[in-house]
């Protein structure tokens, strides 16, 4: 297979994988990224492409709970990105994303303490690379706020999530209609609920939910996770009516996901 044909096939597999991931079809996405990785390695594509494929597959595996394999792949991607970054400063951005994804993977695996170090490494590298995409910076700020919330440092969490929201609002690339803005609003909703500031939380919830409904739709696993987390939090704060309503929304999304999957399988 000539290099142009190989690259075209690799790009196709990666594009399909990204579309599946964005739609919340994480298992299907992992299959496409895995095939892209097999192709990249068997055809000896450039290391930067192999590293990018490792990152996408590892990120997707983390979303379906395959944390051990995801960590192993991310470690490989980090090693490659570290070598590439010494040769070309442009690859520093890739290294920042690798550290960020490793931190996210640890957090999803319930290892909040282990998640802190790679995120700190990502922020340290950010000082050296001013041309990092706004979306990555916003995601890192949001993730740092979430880790503070998990550790009970609500004051620092509010500072960081407000910084993320302001950054997005002032960004010429993102703005108030971006998906990451909706995600940040929901992080603040959870924080305000923890602090018993229910009126503020309710107002922000309406805005955030409307944006995420448009961005992700009503059949996305991350929407189910969000409603389940909010329901659990509301129950813990002694708000049974709100907890029940949120649980119903989570159940509705779960049903929508199952129905969508059945349709795709032709059942």
Protein backbone atom coordinates (compact mmCIF):
# COMPACT_ATOMS: atom_id res chain seq x y z
CA UNK A 1 0.00 0.00 0.00
CA UNK A 2 1.51 3.38 -0.99
CA UNK A 3 1.84 6.13 1.62
CA UNK A 4 -0.92 8.33 0.17
CA UNK A 5 -3.44 5.47 0.23
CA UNK A 6 -2.39 4.55 3.77
CA UNK A 7 -2.75 8.12 5.00
CA UNK A 8 -6.17 8.46 3.38
CA UNK A 9 -7.37 5.25 5.03
CA UNK A 10 -5.92 6.27 8.41
CA UNK A 11 -7.62 9.68 8.22
CA UNK A 12 -10.94 8.01 7.36
CA UNK A 13 -10.75 5.65 10.34
CA UNK A 14 -9.81 8.53 12.65
CA UNK A 15 -12.63 10.73 11.35
CA UNK A 16 -15.23 7.98 11.83
CA UNK A 17 -13.85 7.35 15.31
CA UNK A 18 -14.17 11.02 16.22
CA UNK A 19 -17.76 11.17 14.94
CA UNK A 20 -18.68 8.10 16.97
CA UNK A 21 -17.01 9.53 20.07
CA UNK A 22 -18.80 12.88 19.74
CA UNK A 23 -22.11 11.02 19.42
CA UNK A 24 -21.40 9.11 22.62
CA UNK A 25 -20.83 5.81 20.81
CA UNK A 26 -17.67 5.10 22.77
CA UNK A 27 -17.34 1.37 22.07
CA UNK A 28 -17.76 1.90 18.34
CA UNK A 29 -15.28 4.78 18.51
CA UNK A 30 -12.71 2.58 20.25
CA UNK A 31 -13.01 -0.02 17.48
CA UNK A 32 -12.29 2.57 14.77
CA UNK A 33 -9.39 4.11 16.69
CA UNK A 34 -7.95 0.63 17.33
CA UNK A 35 -8.05 -0.13 13.60
CA UNK A 36 -6.39 3.23 12.91
CA UNK A 37 -3.65 2.36 15.40
CA UNK A 38 -3.09 -1.08 13.84
CA UNK A 39 -2.80 0.59 10.43
CA UNK A 40 -0.45 3.32 11.66
CA UNK A 41 1.87 0.79 13.30
CA UNK A 42 1.82 -1.86 10.55
CA UNK A 43 2.48 0.72 7.81
CA UNK A 44 5.11 2.63 9.85
CA UNK A 45 3.34 5.99 9.72
CA UNK A 46 5.16 8.96 11.32
CA UNK A 47 5.45 8.84 15.11
CA UNK A 48 3.33 11.96 15.56
CA UNK A 49 0.39 10.17 13.88
CA UNK A 50 0.90 7.05 15.98
CA UNK A 51 1.04 9.20 19.11
CA UNK A 52 -2.18 11.02 18.17
CA UNK A 53 -3.93 7.69 17.53
CA UNK A 54 -2.77 6.33 20.89
CA UNK A 55 -4.19 9.43 22.59
CA UNK A 56 -7.61 9.14 20.93
CA UNK A 57 -7.89 5.41 21.66
CA UNK A 58 -6.77 5.84 25.28
CA UNK A 59 -9.26 8.67 25.82
CA UNK A 60 -12.07 6.53 24.43
CA UNK A 61 -11.10 3.49 26.50
CA UNK A 62 -11.27 5.68 29.60
CA UNK A 63 -14.86 6.55 28.71
CA UNK A 64 -15.86 2.86 28.73
CA UNK A 65 -13.99 2.02 31.92
CA UNK A 66 -10.98 0.25 30.37
CA UNK A 67 -8.63 2.25 32.60
CA UNK A 68 -5.62 -0.08 32.69
CA UNK A 69 -5.30 -0.35 28.92
CA UNK A 70 -6.04 3.37 28.56
CA UNK A 71 -3.25 4.24 30.99
CA UNK A 72 -0.81 1.93 29.17
CA UNK A 73 -1.57 3.58 25.82
CA UNK A 74 -1.32 7.07 27.29
CA UNK A 75 2.08 6.23 28.77
CA UNK A 76 3.22 5.19 25.29
CA UNK A 77 1.82 8.40 23.80
CA UNK A 78 3.54 10.46 26.50
CA UNK A 79 6.89 8.81 25.82
CA UNK A 80 6.60 9.51 22.11
CA UNK A 81 5.38 13.08 22.63
CA UNK A 82 8.23 13.81 25.04
CA UNK A 83 10.74 12.75 22.41
CA UNK A 84 8.98 14.71 19.69
CA UNK A 85 8.68 17.86 21.83
CA UNK A 86 12.46 18.02 22.28
CA UNK A 87 12.83 18.13 18.51
CA UNK A 88 9.95 20.49 17.69
CA UNK A 89 8.25 22.97 20.08
CA UNK A 90 4.93 22.44 18.25
CA UNK A 91 4.66 19.03 19.88
CA UNK A 92 4.57 20.60 23.35
CA UNK A 93 0.82 21.09 22.81
CA UNK A 94 0.44 17.36 22.16
CA UNK A 95 2.38 16.61 25.35
CA UNK A 96 0.11 18.96 27.34
CA UNK A 97 -2.95 17.12 26.00
CA UNK A 98 -1.41 13.74 26.91
CA UNK A 99 -0.84 14.82 30.51
CA UNK A 100 -4.33 16.29 30.67
CA UNK A 101 -5.89 13.06 29.39
CA UNK A 102 -3.85 10.97 31.83
CA UNK A 103 -5.17 13.12 34.67
CA UNK A 104 -8.74 12.72 33.39
CA UNK A 105 -8.28 8.96 33.17
CA UNK A 106 -7.11 8.74 36.79
CA UNK A 107 -10.06 10.90 37.89
CA UNK A 108 -12.57 8.72 36.03
CA UNK A 109 -10.98 5.68 37.67
CA UNK A 110 -11.65 7.21 41.10
CA UNK A 111 -7.98 8.11 41.68
CA UNK A 112 -8.34 11.84 42.35
CA UNK A 113 -5.01 12.16 44.15
CA UNK A 114 -3.11 10.48 41.31
CA UNK A 115 -4.88 12.80 38.86
CA UNK A 116 -3.24 15.90 40.34
CA UNK A 117 0.38 15.34 39.27
CA UNK A 118 -0.14 14.95 35.49
CA UNK A 119 -2.46 17.97 35.50
CA UNK A 120 0.22 20.03 37.26
CA UNK A 121 2.71 18.87 34.61
CA UNK A 122 0.29 19.99 31.90
CA UNK A 123 -0.04 23.46 33.45
CA UNK A 124 3.75 23.73 33.86
CA UNK A 125 4.17 23.02 30.13
CA UNK A 126 1.44 25.55 29.35
CA UNK A 127 3.79 28.29 30.58
CA UNK A 128 6.25 27.30 27.86
CA UNK A 129 3.71 27.09 25.03
CA UNK A 130 1.48 30.18 24.62
CA UNK A 131 -0.18 28.93 21.42
CA UNK A 132 -2.28 26.17 22.99
CA UNK A 133 -5.90 26.00 21.69
CA UNK A 134 -8.41 27.86 23.87
CA UNK A 135 -10.57 24.75 24.24
CA UNK A 136 -7.72 22.77 25.80
CA UNK A 137 -6.97 25.57 28.27
CA UNK A 138 -10.65 25.80 29.23
CA UNK A 139 -10.87 22.03 29.72
CA UNK A 140 -7.78 22.03 31.91
CA UNK A 141 -9.17 24.85 34.08
CA UNK A 142 -12.47 23.00 34.40
CA UNK A 143 -10.73 19.75 35.32
CA UNK A 144 -8.59 21.50 37.93
CA UNK A 145 -11.76 22.98 39.44
CA UNK A 146 -13.38 19.53 39.55
CA UNK A 147 -10.38 18.07 41.38
CA UNK A 148 -10.64 20.88 43.94
CA UNK A 149 -14.34 20.13 44.38
CA UNK A 150 -13.62 16.43 44.91
CA UNK A 151 -11.04 17.26 47.58
CA UNK A 152 -13.48 19.63 49.34
CA UNK A 153 -11.60 22.84 48.49
CA UNK A 154 -14.75 24.68 47.43
CA UNK A 155 -13.20 28.15 47.63
CA UNK A 156 -10.47 27.29 45.13
CA UNK A 157 -12.96 25.37 43.00
CA UNK A 158 -15.13 28.48 42.65
CA UNK A 159 -12.12 30.62 41.75
CA UNK A 160 -11.04 28.18 39.05
CA UNK A 161 -14.47 27.52 37.54
CA UNK A 162 -15.15 31.27 37.41
CA UNK A 163 -11.79 31.70 35.69
CA UNK A 164 -12.72 29.02 33.17
CA UNK A 165 -16.13 30.59 32.49
CA UNK A 166 -14.62 34.08 32.04
CA UNK A 167 -11.92 32.67 29.77
CA UNK A 168 -14.54 31.00 27.56
CA UNK A 169 -16.73 34.10 27.44
CA UNK A 170 -13.77 36.24 26.32
CA UNK A 171 -12.48 33.70 23.81
CA UNK A 172 -12.95 34.54 20.13
CA UNK A 173 -12.93 30.79 19.39
CA UNK A 174 -15.29 29.47 22.08
CA UNK A 175 -17.90 31.81 23.53
CA UNK A 176 -21.14 31.17 25.44
CA UNK A 177 -22.54 28.75 22.87
CA UNK A 178 -19.66 26.26 23.09
CA UNK A 179 -20.02 22.80 24.60
CA UNK A 180 -17.24 23.42 27.13
CA UNK A 181 -19.16 26.48 28.40
CA UNK A 182 -22.18 24.28 29.18
CA UNK A 183 -19.93 21.76 30.93
CA UNK A 184 -18.39 24.51 33.07
CA UNK A 185 -21.82 25.83 34.02
CA UNK A 186 -22.78 22.37 35.26
CA UNK A 187 -19.60 22.13 37.34
CA UNK A 188 -20.59 25.42 38.95
CA UNK A 189 -24.15 24.13 39.48
CA UNK A 190 -22.74 21.22 41.48
CA UNK A 191 -20.48 23.54 43.46
CA UNK A 192 -23.32 25.95 44.29
CA UNK A 193 -25.48 23.02 45.39
CA UNK A 194 -22.68 21.80 47.67
CA UNK A 195 -22.59 25.32 49.17
CA UNK A 196 -26.41 25.39 49.63
CA UNK A 197 -26.73 28.31 47.18
CA UNK A 198 -29.76 26.73 45.54
CA UNK A 199 -31.26 29.80 43.82
CA UNK A 200 -28.01 30.47 41.94
CA UNK A 201 -27.66 26.77 41.12
CA UNK A 202 -31.20 26.56 39.71
CA UNK A 203 -30.71 29.58 37.46
CA UNK A 204 -27.41 28.28 36.07
CA UNK A 205 -28.82 24.76 35.66
CA UNK A 206 -31.50 25.98 33.25
CA UNK A 207 -28.92 27.76 31.10
CA UNK A 208 -26.44 24.89 31.15
CA UNK A 209 -29.02 22.18 30.43
CA UNK A 210 -30.45 24.09 27.47
CA UNK A 211 -26.99 24.43 25.94
CA UNK A 212 -26.03 20.80 26.54
CA UNK A 213 -29.37 19.55 25.18
CA UNK A 214 -28.58 21.30 21.92
CA UNK A 215 -24.90 20.24 21.87
CA UNK A 216 -25.18 16.61 22.96
CA UNK A 217 -28.82 15.72 22.50
CA UNK A 218 -30.94 13.39 24.63
CA UNK A 219 -29.07 10.14 23.92
CA UNK A 220 -25.52 10.77 25.12
CA UNK A 221 -23.83 8.85 27.97
CA UNK A 222 -22.31 12.02 29.38
CA UNK A 223 -25.79 13.50 29.81
CA UNK A 224 -26.86 10.39 31.71
CA UNK A 225 -23.78 10.67 33.94
CA UNK A 226 -24.48 14.35 34.55
CA UNK A 227 -28.10 13.81 35.61
CA UNK A 228 -27.12 10.88 37.84
CA UNK A 229 -24.43 12.94 39.56
CA UNK A 230 -26.81 15.88 40.08
CA UNK A 231 -29.53 13.55 41.38
CA UNK A 232 -27.16 11.99 43.90
CA UNK A 233 -25.99 15.42 45.02
CA UNK A 234 -29.56 16.74 45.39
CA UNK A 235 -30.51 13.67 47.44
CA UNK A 236 -27.50 14.18 49.69
CA UNK A 237 -28.49 17.84 50.21
CA UNK A 238 -32.02 16.87 51.28
CA UNK A 239 -33.83 17.84 48.08
CA UNK A 240 -35.92 14.74 47.29
CA UNK A 241 -38.14 16.38 44.64
CA UNK A 242 -35.16 17.67 42.68
CA UNK A 243 -33.33 14.36 43.11
CA UNK A 244 -36.32 12.44 41.74
CA UNK A 245 -36.73 14.74 38.75
CA UNK A 246 -33.04 14.47 37.88
CA UNK A 247 -33.08 10.70 38.28
CA UNK A 248 -36.01 10.54 35.84
CA UNK A 249 -34.04 12.60 33.32
CA UNK A 250 -31.11 10.21 33.72
CA UNK A 251 -33.40 7.22 33.18
CA UNK A 252 -34.96 8.86 30.10
CA UNK A 253 -31.52 9.43 28.57
CA UNK A 254 -30.60 5.81 29.34
CA UNK A 255 -33.70 4.60 27.48
CA UNK A 256 -32.92 6.91 24.55
CA UNK A 257 -29.39 5.50 24.35
CA UNK A 258 -30.70 1.92 24.31
CA UNK A 259 -33.27 2.74 21.62
CA UNK A 260 -30.65 4.48 19.47
CA UNK A 261 -28.27 1.52 19.80
CA UNK A 262 -31.05 -0.92 18.82
CA UNK A 263 -31.85 1.14 15.74
CA UNK A 264 -28.21 1.16 14.69
CA UNK A 265 -28.01 -2.60 15.10
CA UNK A 266 -31.23 -3.03 13.14
CA UNK A 267 -33.07 -4.71 16.03
